[in-house]
Protein backbone atom coordinates (compact mmCIF):
# COMPACT_ATOMS: atom_id res chain seq x y z
CA UNK A 1 21.55 -12.19 8.96
CA UNK A 2 19.42 -14.62 9.26
CA UNK A 3 16.53 -11.96 11.14
CA UNK A 4 17.48 -9.44 8.15
CA UNK A 5 15.64 -12.18 5.52
CA UNK A 6 12.84 -13.06 7.47
CA UNK A 7 11.85 -9.62 7.94
CA UNK A 8 12.26 -8.92 4.57
CA UNK A 9 9.90 -11.72 3.43
CA UNK A 10 7.12 -10.95 6.42
CA UNK A 11 7.30 -7.59 4.64
CA UNK A 12 7.33 -8.17 1.26
CA UNK A 13 3.86 -10.51 1.74
CA UNK A 14 1.90 -7.23 2.49
CA UNK A 15 4.16 -5.44 -0.26
CA UNK A 16 3.24 -7.91 -2.94
CA UNK A 17 -0.16 -8.19 -2.05
CA UNK A 18 -0.73 -4.40 -2.17
CA UNK A 19 0.63 -4.66 -5.83
CA UNK A 20 -1.34 -7.07 -6.97
CA UNK A 21 -4.30 -4.57 -4.61
CA UNK A 22 -4.07 -2.24 -6.82
CA UNK A 23 -3.63 -3.49 -9.70
CA UNK A 24 -7.38 -5.27 -9.76
CA UNK A 25 -8.35 -1.73 -8.71
CA UNK A 26 -7.24 -0.05 -11.71
CA UNK A 27 -8.30 -3.17 -14.30
CA UNK A 28 -12.01 -2.45 -12.25
CA UNK A 29 -11.31 0.93 -12.67
CA UNK A 30 -10.62 1.16 -16.72
CA UNK A 31 -14.11 -1.14 -16.60
CA UNK A 32 -16.27 1.24 -15.43
CA UNK A 33 -15.12 3.93 -18.36
CA UNK A 34 -15.79 2.06 -20.14
CA UNK A 35 -18.60 0.88 -19.07
CA UNK A 36 -20.02 4.85 -19.05
CA UNK A 37 -21.20 6.21 -21.61
């Protein structure tokens, strides 16, 4: 049981990083589209 929780925590961190990175990319993309004529 304890091992499963540890594994989940290990997987959770990179996943959250990927989600925040995707949001950041989305934000930058929308900004770029606004700047373009």
